[in-house]
Amino acid sequence: MDVLADVIKLQMPQEQYAHRSAMQSSEGPQVYKVGIYGWRKRCLYFFVLLLMILILVNLAMTIWILKVMNFTIDGMGNLRITEKGLKLEGDSEFLKPLYAKEIRSRPGNPLYFQSARNVTVNILNEKTKVLTRLVTGPQAVEAHSQKFEVKSLSGKLLFSADDNEVVVGAERLRVLGAEGTVFPKSIETPSVRADPFKELRLESPTRSLVMEAPKGIEINAEAGNMEATCRTELRLESKDGEITLNAANIRLPRLPRASHSSTGSRQKIYELCVCSNGRLFLSQAGASSTCQINTSICS
């Protein structure tokens, strides 16, 4: 019985396969279509069209940017690339620090630096430490360096300043201020003089005024008067030499006068007397010297 059942099972699939083969041969060969149809096809065409539009817009924007920025083979806009470096024409604005070996204008044209606040120029060493700094601000111009020098076109030193001294190398230093010049400390110069037809005044309002020279001091007024005024005492002292008053007339109008003689005469001739302490006074002239009679004025 089991063997018979196995034989029946083997025969049934063979009969079904034969039946299917007969049906396919009677219907003919089947054709399977490959591709995208329907709404998928329309979506694909839409995306391709959209991509082409984006490409055209991108190309148009690129051409417009190149045209506006003036991109060329030599550079962009006013910026040109040359063999010696970059050449910039017109006004330019730098939003961040500019590092350059040399900055110069075109031949015959000035070079302007303009800023809303200040312009700072720094000189650095190999360790990026600031050695020299020039700051031009709205209120002041500051220069920070070990030494500051101003020279002429020929290389002559006109002005120099450092921690030790300030040197003026010009042949003449002119001060045009209405109040003159104030020197808190000493000044060393071979000559001090005023402009023609101007007055020269040396004044120390609260302290003393000292003029020293190893070989001599000459005060000369060629076309005018010379005045020396003080509140208390005016001293002319010569340690090893003499004091010479060389003039046609020497006037001492405020010298003290000794008492008149008992005769009561109105004599206008006086004798110049000198006390032992160096004080000068006038005494009426007589037949002989009257200085000994009026020695009480020396006390």
C-alpha atoms as a PDB file:
ATOM      1  CA  MET A   1       0.000   0.000   0.000  1.00  0.00           C
ATOM      2  CA  ASP A   2       2.823   2.419   0.829  1.00  0.00           C
ATOM      3  CA  VAL A   3       4.623   1.719  -2.409  1.00  0.00           C
ATOM      4  CA  LEU A   4       1.470   2.324  -4.385  1.00  0.00           C
ATOM      5  CA  ALA A   5       0.953   5.680  -2.715  1.00  0.00           C
ATOM      6  CA  ASP A   6       4.516   6.816  -3.571  1.00  0.00           C
ATOM      7  CA  VAL A   7       4.032   5.900  -7.217  1.00  0.00           C
ATOM      8  CA  ILE A   8       0.820   7.942  -7.389  1.00  0.00           C
ATOM      9  CA  LYS A   9       2.565  11.002  -5.878  1.00  0.00           C
ATOM     10  CA  LEU A  10       5.373  10.861  -8.447  1.00  0.00           C
ATOM     11  CA  GLN A  11       2.979  10.593 -11.344  1.00  0.00           C
ATOM     12  CA  MET A  12       0.814  13.590 -10.343  1.00  0.00           C
ATOM     13  CA  PRO A  13       3.564  16.329 -10.615  1.00  0.00           C
ATOM     14  CA  GLN A  14       4.686  14.950 -13.958  1.00  0.00           C
ATOM     15  CA  GLU A  15       1.156  15.203 -15.288  1.00  0.00           C
ATOM     16  CA  GLN A  16       0.757  18.782 -13.991  1.00  0.00           C
ATOM     17  CA  TYR A  17       4.059  19.895 -15.613  1.00  0.00           C
ATOM     18  CA  ALA A  18       3.022  18.380 -18.924  1.00  0.00           C
ATOM     19  CA  HIS A  19      -0.323  20.132 -18.733  1.00  0.00           C
ATOM     20  CA  ARG A  20       1.304  23.539 -18.099  1.00  0.00           C
ATOM     21  CA  SER A  21       3.771  23.084 -20.959  1.00  0.00           C
ATOM     22  CA  ALA A  22       0.935  22.310 -23.311  1.00  0.00           C
ATOM     23  CA  MET A  23      -0.958  25.453 -22.270  1.00  0.00           C
ATOM     24  CA  GLN A  24       2.104  27.743 -22.714  1.00  0.00           C
ATOM     25  CA  SER A  25       2.851  26.359 -26.164  1.00  0.00           C
ATOM     26  CA  SER A  26      -0.728  26.972 -27.211  1.00  0.00           C
ATOM     27  CA  GLU A  27      -0.780  30.626 -25.985  1.00  0.00           C
ATOM     28  CA  GLY A  28       2.597  31.641 -27.535  1.00  0.00           C
ATOM     29  CA  PRO A  29       5.703  33.531 -26.034  1.00  0.00           C
ATOM     30  CA  GLN A  30       5.029  36.242 -23.302  1.00  0.00           C
ATOM     31  CA  VAL A  31       6.647  39.829 -23.484  1.00  0.00           C
ATOM     32  CA  TYR A  32       7.681  41.687 -20.231  1.00  0.00           C
ATOM     33  CA  LYS A  33       7.905  45.545 -20.516  1.00  0.00           C
ATOM     34  CA  VAL A  34      10.935  47.281 -18.840  1.00  0.00           C
ATOM     35  CA  GLY A  35      10.879  51.114 -17.971  1.00  0.00           C
ATOM     36  CA  ILE A  36       9.121  53.880 -15.986  1.00  0.00           C
ATOM     37  CA  TYR A  37       5.574  54.700 -16.940  1.00  0.00           C
ATOM     38  CA  GLY A  38       2.759  56.774 -15.606  1.00  0.00           C
ATOM     39  CA  TRP A  39       3.189  59.336 -12.823  1.00  0.00           C
ATOM     40  CA  ARG A  40       6.744  58.154 -12.124  1.00  0.00           C
ATOM     41  CA  LYS A  41       7.764  59.141 -15.624  1.00  0.00           C
ATOM     42  CA  ARG A  42       6.178  62.565 -15.315  1.00  0.00           C
ATOM     43  CA  CYS A  43       7.938  63.175 -11.974  1.00  0.00           C
ATOM     44  CA  LEU A  44      11.271  62.216 -13.510  1.00  0.00           C
ATOM     45  CA  TYR A  45      10.799  64.675 -16.371  1.00  0.00           C
ATOM     46  CA  PHE A  46       9.813  67.379 -13.882  1.00  0.00           C
ATOM     47  CA  PHE A  47      12.974  66.872 -11.793  1.00  0.00           C
ATOM     48  CA  VAL A  48      15.171  66.893 -14.911  1.00  0.00           C
ATOM     49  CA  LEU A  49      13.539  70.138 -16.067  1.00  0.00           C
ATOM     50  CA  LEU A  50      13.960  71.683 -12.613  1.00  0.00           C
ATOM     51  CA  LEU A  51      17.631  70.668 -12.565  1.00  0.00           C
ATOM     52  CA  MET A  52      18.215  72.304 -15.942  1.00  0.00           C
ATOM     53  CA  ILE A  53      16.557  75.508 -14.750  1.00  0.00           C
ATOM     54  CA  LEU A  54      18.783  75.570 -11.647  1.00  0.00           C
ATOM     55  CA  ILE A  55      21.861  75.020 -13.789  1.00  0.00           C
ATOM     56  CA  LEU A  56      20.901  77.915 -16.069  1.00  0.00           C
ATOM     57  CA  VAL A  57      20.188  80.227 -13.109  1.00  0.00           C
ATOM     58  CA  ASN A  58      23.503  79.275 -11.483  1.00  0.00           C
ATOM     59  CA  LEU A  59      25.350  79.905 -14.714  1.00  0.00           C
ATOM     60  CA  ALA A  60      23.620  83.275 -15.160  1.00  0.00           C
ATOM     61  CA  MET A  61      24.440  84.300 -11.567  1.00  0.00           C
ATOM     62  CA  THR A  62      28.071  83.266 -12.019  1.00  0.00           C
ATOM     63  CA  ILE A  63      28.364  85.320 -15.202  1.00  0.00           C
ATOM     64  CA  TRP A  64      26.692  88.294 -13.488  1.00  0.00           C
ATOM     65  CA  ILE A  65      29.072  88.111 -10.499  1.00  0.00           C
ATOM     66  CA  LEU A  66      32.083  87.904 -12.800  1.00  0.00           C
ATOM     67  CA  LYS A  67      30.792  90.912 -14.702  1.00  0.00           C
ATOM     68  CA  VAL A  68      30.043  93.005 -11.606  1.00  0.00           C
ATOM     69  CA  MET A  69      33.278  92.151  -9.786  1.00  0.00           C
ATOM     70  CA  ASN A  70      35.195  92.655 -13.003  1.00  0.00           C
ATOM     71  CA  PHE A  71      37.026  89.339 -12.884  1.00  0.00           C
ATOM     72  CA  THR A  72      39.725  89.119 -15.512  1.00  0.00           C
ATOM     73  CA  ILE A  73      42.844  87.120 -16.116  1.00  0.00           C
ATOM     74  CA  ASP A  74      44.925  89.876 -14.492  1.00  0.00           C
ATOM     75  CA  GLY A  75      42.851  90.258 -11.319  1.00  0.00           C
ATOM     76  CA  MET A  76      39.542  91.319  -9.853  1.00  0.00           C
ATOM     77  CA  GLY A  77      38.020  94.796  -9.966  1.00  0.00           C
ATOM     78  CA  ASN A  78      40.596  97.454  -9.056  1.00  0.00           C
ATOM     79  CA  LEU A  79      42.976  94.764  -7.863  1.00  0.00           C
ATOM     80  CA  ARG A  80      45.532  93.645 -10.435  1.00  0.00           C
ATOM     81  CA  ILE A  81      48.139  90.923 -10.143  1.00  0.00           C
ATOM     82  CA  THR A  82      51.491  91.967 -11.591  1.00  0.00           C
ATOM     83  CA  GLU A  83      54.984  90.539 -11.577  1.00  0.00           C
ATOM     84  CA  LYS A  84      56.014  92.799  -8.680  1.00  0.00           C
ATOM     85  CA  GLY A  85      52.946  92.117  -6.525  1.00  0.00           C
ATOM     86  CA  LEU A  86      49.414  93.443  -6.241  1.00  0.00           C
ATOM     87  CA  LYS A  87      48.300  96.733  -7.796  1.00  0.00           C
ATOM     88  CA  LEU A  88      45.234  98.404  -6.314  1.00  0.00           C
ATOM     89  CA  GLU A  89      43.514 101.339  -8.001  1.00  0.00           C
ATOM     90  CA  GLY A  90      40.965 103.633  -6.382  1.00  0.00           C
ATOM     91  CA  ASP A  91      39.672 103.630  -2.794  1.00  0.00           C
ATOM     92  CA  SER A  92      39.953 100.449  -0.749  1.00  0.00           C
ATOM     93  CA  GLU A  93      38.723  99.351   2.652  1.00  0.00           C
ATOM     94  CA  PHE A  94      40.507  96.786   4.839  1.00  0.00           C
ATOM     95  CA  LEU A  95      38.413  95.224   7.582  1.00  0.00           C
ATOM     96  CA  LYS A  96      41.277  93.258   9.115  1.00  0.00           C
ATOM     97  CA  PRO A  97      45.065  93.813   9.523  1.00  0.00           C
ATOM     98  CA  LEU A  98      47.079  94.279   6.337  1.00  0.00           C
ATOM     99  CA  TYR A  99      50.520  92.682   6.116  1.00  0.00           C
ATOM    100  CA  ALA A 100      52.753  93.938   3.324  1.00  0.00           C
ATOM    101  CA  LYS A 101      56.427  94.478   2.652  1.00  0.00           C
ATOM    102  CA  GLU A 102      55.919  97.728   0.741  1.00  0.00           C
ATOM    103  CA  ILE A 103      52.949 100.039   0.117  1.00  0.00           C
ATOM    104  CA  ARG A 104      53.251 102.855  -2.402  1.00  0.00           C
ATOM    105  CA  SER A 105      51.054 104.873  -4.719  1.00  0.00           C
ATOM    106  CA  ARG A 106      51.206 105.268  -8.444  1.00  0.00           C
ATOM    107  CA  PRO A 107      53.904 107.627  -9.771  1.00  0.00           C
ATOM    108  CA  GLY A 108      52.729 111.200  -9.466  1.00  0.00           C
ATOM    109  CA  ASN A 109      49.746 110.418  -7.194  1.00  0.00           C
ATOM    110  CA  PRO A 110      49.507 110.817  -3.405  1.00  0.00           C
ATOM    111  CA  LEU A 111      48.886 107.972  -0.966  1.00  0.00           C
ATOM    112  CA  TYR A 112      46.074 108.466   1.579  1.00  0.00           C
ATOM    113  CA  PHE A 113      45.353 106.540   4.776  1.00  0.00           C
ATOM    114  CA  GLN A 114      41.902 107.223   6.167  1.00  0.00           C
ATOM    115  CA  SER A 115      40.188 105.776   9.234  1.00  0.00           C
ATOM    116  CA  ALA A 116      37.157 106.603  11.357  1.00  0.00           C
ATOM    117  CA  ARG A 117      39.206 106.319  14.589  1.00  0.00           C
ATOM    118  CA  ASN A 118      42.952 105.981  14.195  1.00  0.00           C
ATOM    119  CA  VAL A 119      45.692 104.599  11.970  1.00  0.00           C
ATOM    120  CA  THR A 120      48.320 102.442  13.678  1.00  0.00           C
ATOM    121  CA  VAL A 121      51.612 101.340  12.116  1.00  0.00           C
ATOM    122  CA  ASN A 122      53.576  98.677  14.026  1.00  0.00           C
ATOM    123  CA  ILE A 123      57.107  97.401  13.421  1.00  0.00           C
ATOM    124  CA  LEU A 124      57.603  93.883  14.797  1.00  0.00           C
ATOM    125  CA  ASN A 125      60.648  91.705  15.339  1.00  0.00           C
ATOM    126  CA  GLU A 126      61.041  87.989  14.724  1.00  0.00           C
ATOM    127  CA  LYS A 127      59.126  87.209  17.926  1.00  0.00           C
ATOM    128  CA  THR A 128      56.183  89.442  16.884  1.00  0.00           C
ATOM    129  CA  LYS A 129      57.089  91.954  19.595  1.00  0.00           C
ATOM    130  CA  VAL A 130      56.300  95.585  18.841  1.00  0.00           C
ATOM    131  CA  LEU A 131      59.508  97.609  18.422  1.00  0.00           C
ATOM    132  CA  THR A 132      58.128 100.823  16.943  1.00  0.00           C
ATOM    133  CA  ARG A 133      54.556 102.094  16.869  1.00  0.00           C
ATOM    134  CA  LEU A 134      53.017 105.129  15.194  1.00  0.00           C
ATOM    135  CA  VAL A 135      49.438 105.977  16.190  1.00  0.00           C
ATOM    136  CA  THR A 136      47.535 108.816  14.544  1.00  0.00           C
ATOM    137  CA  GLY A 137      44.299 109.422  16.424  1.00  0.00           C
ATOM    138  CA  PRO A 138      41.571 112.080  16.450  1.00  0.00           C
ATOM    139  CA  GLN A 139      43.268 113.980  19.283  1.00  0.00           C
ATOM    140  CA  ALA A 140      46.990 113.284  19.024  1.00  0.00           C
ATOM    141  CA  VAL A 141      49.786 111.668  17.028  1.00  0.00           C
ATOM    142  CA  GLU A 142      51.882 109.303  19.128  1.00  0.00           C
ATOM    143  CA  ALA A 143      55.205 107.698  18.245  1.00  0.00           C
ATOM    144  CA  HIS A 144      56.607 104.923  20.447  1.00  0.00           C
ATOM    145  CA  SER A 145      60.227 103.974  19.776  1.00  0.00           C
ATOM    146  CA  GLN A 146      63.672 104.031  21.305  1.00  0.00           C
ATOM    147  CA  LYS A 147      64.654 107.078  19.243  1.00  0.00           C
ATOM    148  CA  PHE A 148      62.787 109.544  17.064  1.00  0.00           C
ATOM    149  CA  GLU A 149      64.574 111.402  14.250  1.00  0.00           C
ATOM    150  CA  VAL A 150      63.589 113.921  11.589  1.00  0.00           C
ATOM    151  CA  LYS A 151      66.001 114.440   8.700  1.00  0.00           C
ATOM    152  CA  SER A 152      66.076 116.623   5.617  1.00  0.00           C
ATOM    153  CA  LEU A 153      66.274 115.378   2.042  1.00  0.00           C
ATOM    154  CA  SER A 154      70.039 115.694   2.145  1.00  0.00           C
ATOM    155  CA  GLY A 155      70.235 113.509   5.268  1.00  0.00           C
ATOM    156  CA  LYS A 156      70.944 116.319   7.747  1.00  0.00           C
ATOM    157  CA  LEU A 157      69.552 115.753  11.215  1.00  0.00           C
ATOM    158  CA  LEU A 158      66.829 118.298  12.017  1.00  0.00           C
ATOM    159  CA  PHE A 159      65.327 116.842  15.198  1.00  0.00           C
ATOM    160  CA  SER A 160      66.166 113.903  17.417  1.00  0.00           C
ATOM    161  CA  ALA A 161      64.693 112.691  20.715  1.00  0.00           C
ATOM    162  CA  ASP A 162      65.428 109.766  23.007  1.00  0.00           C
ATOM    163  CA  ASP A 163      65.440 109.019  26.740  1.00  0.00           C
ATOM    164  CA  ASN A 164      68.595 111.051  27.357  1.00  0.00           C
ATOM    165  CA  GLU A 165      68.261 114.206  25.270  1.00  0.00           C
ATOM    166  CA  VAL A 166      66.410 116.134  22.595  1.00  0.00           C
ATOM    167  CA  VAL A 167      68.561 117.515  19.782  1.00  0.00           C
ATOM    168  CA  VAL A 168      67.502 120.277  17.377  1.00  0.00           C
ATOM    169  CA  GLY A 169      69.842 120.186  14.407  1.00  0.00           C
ATOM    170  CA  ALA A 170      68.331 123.069  12.443  1.00  0.00           C
ATOM    171  CA  GLU A 171      70.268 126.311  12.157  1.00  0.00           C
ATOM    172  CA  ARG A 172      67.428 128.255  13.782  1.00  0.00           C
ATOM    173  CA  LEU A 173      64.648 127.307  16.188  1.00  0.00           C
ATOM    174  CA  ARG A 174      61.676 129.690  16.012  1.00  0.00           C
ATOM    175  CA  VAL A 175      58.974 129.826  18.668  1.00  0.00           C
ATOM    176  CA  LEU A 176      55.812 131.533  17.402  1.00  0.00           C
ATOM    177  CA  GLY A 177      53.622 131.148  20.490  1.00  0.00           C
ATOM    178  CA  ALA A 178      52.222 134.315  22.068  1.00  0.00           C
ATOM    179  CA  GLU A 179      53.368 133.198  25.540  1.00  0.00           C
ATOM    180  CA  GLY A 180      56.819 132.130  24.359  1.00  0.00           C
ATOM    181  CA  THR A 181      58.438 128.901  25.481  1.00  0.00           C
ATOM    182  CA  VAL A 182      58.565 127.392  28.952  1.00  0.00           C
ATOM    183  CA  PHE A 183      61.586 125.273  29.936  1.00  0.00           C
ATOM    184  CA  PRO A 184      61.069 123.448  33.260  1.00  0.00           C
ATOM    185  CA  LYS A 185      64.794 122.727  33.461  1.00  0.00           C
ATOM    186  CA  SER A 186      67.979 124.062  31.949  1.00  0.00           C
ATOM    187  CA  ILE A 187      68.567 124.835  28.284  1.00  0.00           C
ATOM    188  CA  GLU A 188      71.890 124.848  26.433  1.00  0.00           C
ATOM    189  CA  THR A 189      72.279 126.931  23.283  1.00  0.00           C
ATOM    190  CA  PRO A 190      74.982 129.115  21.710  1.00  0.00           C
ATOM    191  CA  SER A 191      72.595 131.977  20.882  1.00  0.00           C
ATOM    192  CA  VAL A 192      69.218 133.300  21.996  1.00  0.00           C
ATOM    193  CA  ARG A 193      67.746 136.140  19.944  1.00  0.00           C
ATOM    194  CA  ALA A 194      64.422 137.498  18.784  1.00  0.00           C
ATOM    195  CA  ASP A 195      63.182 138.131  15.272  1.00  0.00           C
ATOM    196  CA  PRO A 196      63.904 141.521  13.721  1.00  0.00           C
ATOM    197  CA  PHE A 197      61.843 144.317  15.297  1.00  0.00           C
ATOM    198  CA  LYS A 198      60.674 141.923  18.040  1.00  0.00           C
ATOM    199  CA  GLU A 199      61.457 141.984  21.744  1.00  0.00           C
ATOM    200  CA  LEU A 200      63.456 139.284  23.519  1.00  0.00           C
ATOM    201  CA  ARG A 201      62.405 138.665  27.100  1.00  0.00           C
ATOM    202  CA  LEU A 202      63.942 136.180  29.528  1.00  0.00           C
ATOM    203  CA  GLU A 203      61.778 135.722  32.602  1.00  0.00           C
ATOM    204  CA  SER A 204      61.460 133.416  35.598  1.00  0.00           C
ATOM    205  CA  PRO A 205      58.158 134.274  37.353  1.00  0.00           C
ATOM    206  CA  THR A 206      58.708 132.354  40.594  1.00  0.00           C
ATOM    207  CA  ARG A 207      62.346 131.228  40.705  1.00  0.00           C
ATOM    208  CA  SER A 208      65.750 132.513  39.651  1.00  0.00           C
ATOM    209  CA  LEU A 209      67.200 132.930  36.181  1.00  0.00           C
ATOM    210  CA  VAL A 210      70.779 131.758  35.816  1.00  0.00           C
ATOM    211  CA  MET A 211      72.955 132.196  32.724  1.00  0.00           C
ATOM    212  CA  GLU A 212      76.305 130.435  32.720  1.00  0.00           C
ATOM    213  CA  ALA A 213      79.059 130.143  30.132  1.00  0.00           C
ATOM    214  CA  PRO A 214      82.703 129.051  30.552  1.00  0.00           C
ATOM    215  CA  LYS A 215      84.111 131.744  28.229  1.00  0.00           C
ATOM    216  CA  GLY A 216      81.663 134.607  28.538  1.00  0.00           C
ATOM    217  CA  ILE A 217      78.139 135.888  28.154  1.00  0.00           C
ATOM    218  CA  GLU A 218      77.384 138.672  25.699  1.00  0.00           C
ATOM    219  CA  ILE A 219      74.140 140.625  25.787  1.00  0.00           C
ATOM    220  CA  ASN A 220      73.803 142.970  22.845  1.00  0.00           C
ATOM    221  CA  ALA A 221      70.955 145.218  21.684  1.00  0.00           C
ATOM    222  CA  GLU A 222      72.076 146.794  18.418  1.00  0.00           C
ATOM    223  CA  ALA A 223      69.020 148.956  17.706  1.00  0.00           C
ATOM    224  CA  GLY A 224      67.295 149.417  21.041  1.00  0.00           C
ATOM    225  CA  ASN A 225      67.460 149.404  24.788  1.00  0.00           C
ATOM    226  CA  MET A 226      68.336 146.649  27.211  1.00  0.00           C
ATOM    227  CA  GLU A 227      66.543 146.444  30.543  1.00  0.00           C
ATOM    228  CA  ALA A 228      67.197 144.284  33.607  1.00  0.00           C
ATOM    229  CA  THR A 229      64.470 144.576  36.259  1.00  0.00           C
ATOM    230  CA  CYS A 230      64.186 142.829  39.616  1.00  0.00           C
ATOM    231  CA  ARG A 231      62.127 143.198  42.790  1.00  0.00           C
ATOM    232  CA  THR A 232      64.857 143.105  45.462  1.00  0.00           C
ATOM    233  CA  GLU A 233      68.518 143.120  44.432  1.00  0.00           C
ATOM    234  CA  LEU A 234      70.479 143.218  41.193  1.00  0.00           C
ATOM    235  CA  ARG A 235      74.052 142.060  41.545  1.00  0.00           C
ATOM    236  CA  LEU A 236      76.921 142.358  39.096  1.00  0.00           C
ATOM    237  CA  GLU A 237      79.774 140.224  40.363  1.00  0.00           C
ATOM    238  CA  SER A 238      83.150 139.396  38.862  1.00  0.00           C
ATOM    239  CA  LYS A 239      85.283 136.961  40.832  1.00  0.00           C
ATOM    240  CA  ASP A 240      88.635 137.380  39.106  1.00  0.00           C
ATOM    241  CA  GLY A 241      88.148 140.357  36.790  1.00  0.00           C
ATOM    242  CA  GLU A 242      86.451 143.697  36.717  1.00  0.00           C
ATOM    243  CA  ILE A 243      83.127 145.215  35.760  1.00  0.00           C
ATOM    244  CA  THR A 244      83.343 147.920  33.101  1.00  0.00           C
ATOM    245  CA  LEU A 245      80.565 150.386  32.372  1.00  0.00           C
ATOM    246  CA  ASN A 246      81.553 151.925  29.057  1.00  0.00           C
ATOM    247  CA  ALA A 247      79.120 154.649  28.025  1.00  0.00           C
ATOM    248  CA  ALA A 248      79.091 158.365  27.316  1.00  0.00           C
ATOM    249  CA  ASN A 249      76.605 158.891  30.129  1.00  0.00           C
ATOM    250  CA  ILE A 250      76.020 156.767  33.221  1.00  0.00           C
ATOM    251  CA  ARG A 251      72.917 157.699  35.187  1.00  0.00           C
ATOM    252  CA  LEU A 252      71.986 156.537  38.673  1.00  0.00           C
ATOM    253  CA  PRO A 253      68.833 158.571  39.351  1.00  0.00           C
ATOM    254  CA  ARG A 254      67.676 156.891  42.567  1.00  0.00           C
ATOM    255  CA  LEU A 255      70.890 156.928  44.618  1.00  0.00           C
ATOM    256  CA  PRO A 256      70.377 158.075  48.205  1.00  0.00           C
ATOM    257  CA  ARG A 257      71.476 161.609  48.986  1.00  0.00           C
ATOM    258  CA  ALA A 258      73.165 162.807  52.156  1.00  0.00           C
ATOM    259  CA  SER A 259      71.754 165.694  54.132  1.00  0.00           C
ATOM    260  CA  HIS A 260      72.288 169.185  52.743  1.00  0.00           C
ATOM    261  CA  SER A 261      74.875 171.523  54.184  1.00  0.00           C
ATOM    262  CA  SER A 262      73.907 174.096  56.768  1.00  0.00           C
ATOM    263  CA  THR A 263      74.425 176.915  54.265  1.00  0.00           C
ATOM    264  CA  GLY A 264      71.150 175.918  52.624  1.00  0.00           C
ATOM    265  CA  SER A 265      72.470 176.590  49.177  1.00  0.00           C
ATOM    266  CA  ARG A 266      70.719 174.985  46.260  1.00  0.00           C
ATOM    267  CA  GLN A 267      73.843 173.440  44.809  1.00  0.00           C
ATOM    268  CA  LYS A 268      73.182 170.821  42.140  1.00  0.00           C
ATOM    269  CA  ILE A 269      76.642 169.319  42.051  1.00  0.00           C
ATOM    270  CA  TYR A 270      77.149 166.172  44.076  1.00  0.00           C
ATOM    271  CA  GLU A 271      80.003 163.943  44.967  1.00  0.00           C
ATOM    272  CA  LEU A 272      79.713 160.179  44.508  1.00  0.00           C
ATOM    273  CA  CYS A 273      80.717 158.378  47.673  1.00  0.00           C
ATOM    274  CA  VAL A 274      81.271 154.691  48.372  1.00  0.00           C
ATOM    275  CA  CYS A 275      80.763 153.081  51.752  1.00  0.00           C
ATOM    276  CA  SER A 276      82.962 150.283  53.065  1.00  0.00           C
ATOM    277  CA  ASN A 277      80.163 147.804  52.328  1.00  0.00           C
ATOM    278  CA  GLY A 278      80.044 148.961  48.721  1.00  0.00           C
ATOM    279  CA  ARG A 279      76.961 151.137  48.998  1.00  0.00           C
ATOM    280  CA  LEU A 280      76.882 154.293  46.842  1.00  0.00           C
ATOM    281  CA  PHE A 281      75.386 157.597  47.857  1.00  0.00           C
ATOM    282  CA  LEU A 282      75.534 161.247  46.827  1.00  0.00           C
ATOM    283  CA  SER A 283      76.883 164.062  48.909  1.00  0.00           C
ATOM    284  CA  GLN A 284      76.921 167.751  48.086  1.00  0.00           C
ATOM    285  CA  ALA A 285      80.247 168.774  46.674  1.00  0.00           C
ATOM    286  CA  GLY A 286      82.312 171.238  48.617  1.00  0.00           C
ATOM    287  CA  ALA A 287      85.736 172.725  48.627  1.00  0.00           C
ATOM    288  CA  SER A 288      86.942 169.353  49.883  1.00  0.00           C
ATOM    289  CA  SER A 289      85.419 165.910  50.032  1.00  0.00           C
ATOM    290  CA  THR A 290      82.227 165.737  52.047  1.00  0.00           C
ATOM    291  CA  CYS A 291      81.923 161.933  52.098  1.00  0.00           C
ATOM    292  CA  GLN A 292      83.465 161.678  55.572  1.00  0.00           C
ATOM    293  CA  ILE A 293      80.918 164.105  56.957  1.00  0.00           C
ATOM    294  CA  ASN A 294      77.947 161.960  55.802  1.00  0.00           C
ATOM    295  CA  THR A 295      79.190 158.511  56.715  1.00  0.00           C
ATOM    296  CA  SER A 296      76.056 157.951  58.791  1.00  0.00           C
ATOM    297  CA  ILE A 297      74.172 156.976  55.640  1.00  0.00           C
ATOM    298  CA  CYS A 298      76.377 153.875  55.338  1.00  0.00           C
ATOM    299  CA  SER A 299      75.010 152.286  58.510  1.00  0.00           C
END
